[in-house]
C-alpha atoms as a PDB file:
ATOM      1  CA  MET A   1     -31.851 -33.636 217.491  1.00  0.00           C
ATOM      2  CA  GLN A   2     -35.598 -34.140 217.973  1.00  0.00           C
ATOM      3  CA  THR A   3     -36.407 -30.599 216.876  1.00  0.00           C
ATOM      4  CA  ASP A   4     -34.421 -31.091 213.668  1.00  0.00           C
ATOM      5  CA  ILE A   5     -36.484 -34.160 212.802  1.00  0.00           C
ATOM      6  CA  GLY A   6     -39.677 -32.301 213.687  1.00  0.00           C
ATOM      7  CA  LYS A   7     -38.794 -29.356 211.457  1.00  0.00           C
ATOM      8  CA  MET A   8     -37.871 -31.687 208.625  1.00  0.00           C
ATOM      9  CA  LEU A   9     -41.224 -33.498 208.915  1.00  0.00           C
ATOM     10  CA  ILE A  10     -43.101 -30.193 208.923  1.00  0.00           C
ATOM     11  CA  TYR A  11     -41.279 -29.003 205.793  1.00  0.00           C
ATOM     12  CA  LEU A  12     -41.824 -32.351 204.117  1.00  0.00           C
ATOM     13  CA  GLY A  13     -45.536 -32.170 204.948  1.00  0.00           C
ATOM     14  CA  ILE A  14     -45.813 -28.650 203.535  1.00  0.00           C
ATOM     15  CA  LEU A  15     -43.983 -29.757 200.395  1.00  0.00           C
ATOM     16  CA  MET A  16     -46.311 -32.738 199.992  1.00  0.00           C
ATOM     17  CA  VAL A  17     -49.366 -30.505 200.324  1.00  0.00           C
ATOM     18  CA  ILE A  18     -47.986 -28.117 197.694  1.00  0.00           C
ATOM     19  CA  VAL A  19     -47.183 -30.981 195.331  1.00  0.00           C
ATOM     20  CA  GLY A  20     -50.638 -32.473 195.899  1.00  0.00           C
ATOM     21  CA  VAL A  21     -52.355 -29.172 195.094  1.00  0.00           C
ATOM     22  CA  VAL A  22     -50.246 -28.718 191.953  1.00  0.00           C
ATOM     23  CA  ILE A  23     -51.023 -32.249 190.798  1.00  0.00           C
ATOM     24  CA  HIS A  24     -54.744 -31.888 191.538  1.00  0.00           C
ATOM     25  CA  PHE A  25     -55.273 -28.428 190.042  1.00  0.00           C
ATOM     26  CA  GLY A  26     -52.212 -28.252 187.785  1.00  0.00           C
ATOM     27  CA  GLY A  27     -53.830 -29.865 184.776  1.00  0.00           C
ATOM     28  CA  LYS A  28     -56.319 -27.031 184.564  1.00  0.00           C
ATOM     29  CA  PHE A  29     -53.736 -24.252 184.629  1.00  0.00           C
ATOM     30  CA  LEU A  30     -50.427 -25.859 183.649  1.00  0.00           C
ATOM     31  CA  PRO A  31     -50.175 -28.414 180.849  1.00  0.00           C
ATOM     32  CA  LEU A  32     -47.774 -30.610 182.833  1.00  0.00           C
ATOM     33  CA  GLY A  33     -46.901 -33.702 180.837  1.00  0.00           C
ATOM     34  CA  ARG A  34     -47.935 -32.060 177.567  1.00  0.00           C
ATOM     35  CA  LEU A  35     -45.285 -29.384 177.180  1.00  0.00           C
ATOM     36  CA  PRO A  36     -43.415 -28.754 173.938  1.00  0.00           C
ATOM     37  CA  GLY A  37     -40.344 -30.975 173.977  1.00  0.00           C
ATOM     38  CA  ASP A  38     -42.011 -33.893 175.729  1.00  0.00           C
ATOM     39  CA  ILE A  39     -41.443 -37.087 173.770  1.00  0.00           C
ATOM     40  CA  HIS A  40     -44.540 -38.901 172.538  1.00  0.00           C
ATOM     41  CA  TYR A  41     -44.339 -41.807 170.109  1.00  0.00           C
ATOM     42  CA  GLU A  42     -47.320 -43.761 168.841  1.00  0.00           C
ATOM     43  CA  SER A  43     -47.285 -46.657 166.400  1.00  0.00           C
ATOM     44  CA  GLY A  44     -50.116 -49.137 165.984  1.00  0.00           C
ATOM     45  CA  ASN A  45     -50.934 -50.611 169.398  1.00  0.00           C
ATOM     46  CA  THR A  46     -47.781 -49.198 171.014  1.00  0.00           C
ATOM     47  CA  SER A  47     -47.564 -45.852 172.720  1.00  0.00           C
ATOM     48  CA  PHE A  48     -44.589 -44.294 174.531  1.00  0.00           C
ATOM     49  CA  HIS A  49     -44.637 -40.989 176.411  1.00  0.00           C
ATOM     50  CA  PHE A  50     -41.640 -39.466 178.216  1.00  0.00           C
ATOM     51  CA  PRO A  51     -42.221 -35.955 179.631  1.00  0.00           C
ATOM     52  CA  ILE A  52     -38.562 -34.830 179.622  1.00  0.00           C
ATOM     53  CA  VAL A  53     -39.284 -31.072 179.648  1.00  0.00           C
ATOM     54  CA  THR A  54     -41.844 -31.511 182.421  1.00  0.00           C
ATOM     55  CA  CYS A  55     -39.262 -33.439 184.465  1.00  0.00           C
ATOM     56  CA  ILE A  56     -36.694 -30.665 184.001  1.00  0.00           C
ATOM     57  CA  ILE A  57     -39.156 -27.950 185.050  1.00  0.00           C
ATOM     58  CA  VAL A  58     -40.334 -29.909 188.102  1.00  0.00           C
ATOM     59  CA  SER A  59     -36.704 -30.525 189.061  1.00  0.00           C
ATOM     60  CA  ILE A  60     -35.851 -26.818 188.840  1.00  0.00           C
ATOM     61  CA  VAL A  61     -38.908 -25.797 190.871  1.00  0.00           C
ATOM     62  CA  LEU A  62     -38.230 -28.396 193.581  1.00  0.00           C
ATOM     63  CA  ASN A  63     -34.580 -27.348 193.697  1.00  0.00           C
ATOM     64  CA  ILE A  64     -35.580 -23.710 194.278  1.00  0.00           C
ATOM     65  CA  ILE A  65     -38.110 -24.682 196.961  1.00  0.00           C
ATOM     66  CA  LEU A  66     -35.621 -26.873 198.798  1.00  0.00           C
ATOM     67  CA  ARG A  67     -32.938 -24.158 198.677  1.00  0.00           C
ATOM     68  CA  ILE A  68     -35.409 -21.653 200.157  1.00  0.00           C
ATOM     69  CA  PHE A  69     -36.118 -23.977 203.119  1.00  0.00           C
ATOM     70  CA  LYS A  70     -32.441 -24.802 203.578  1.00  0.00           C
END
């Protein structure tokens, strides 16, 4: 039981490091949040941005990573 929790924490830590690196350096290489298909509406003083395509891509990548570790 303890080793299962330990392994899960290690994998979660590795995943957090990977996500942190992607967030930190991702803007330079990947236009996350500015992909074609992301919704951006601007009118006067109001602005709305919903990165739907970015969310789908991040979801697919995380799903693949989690299936590899499972």
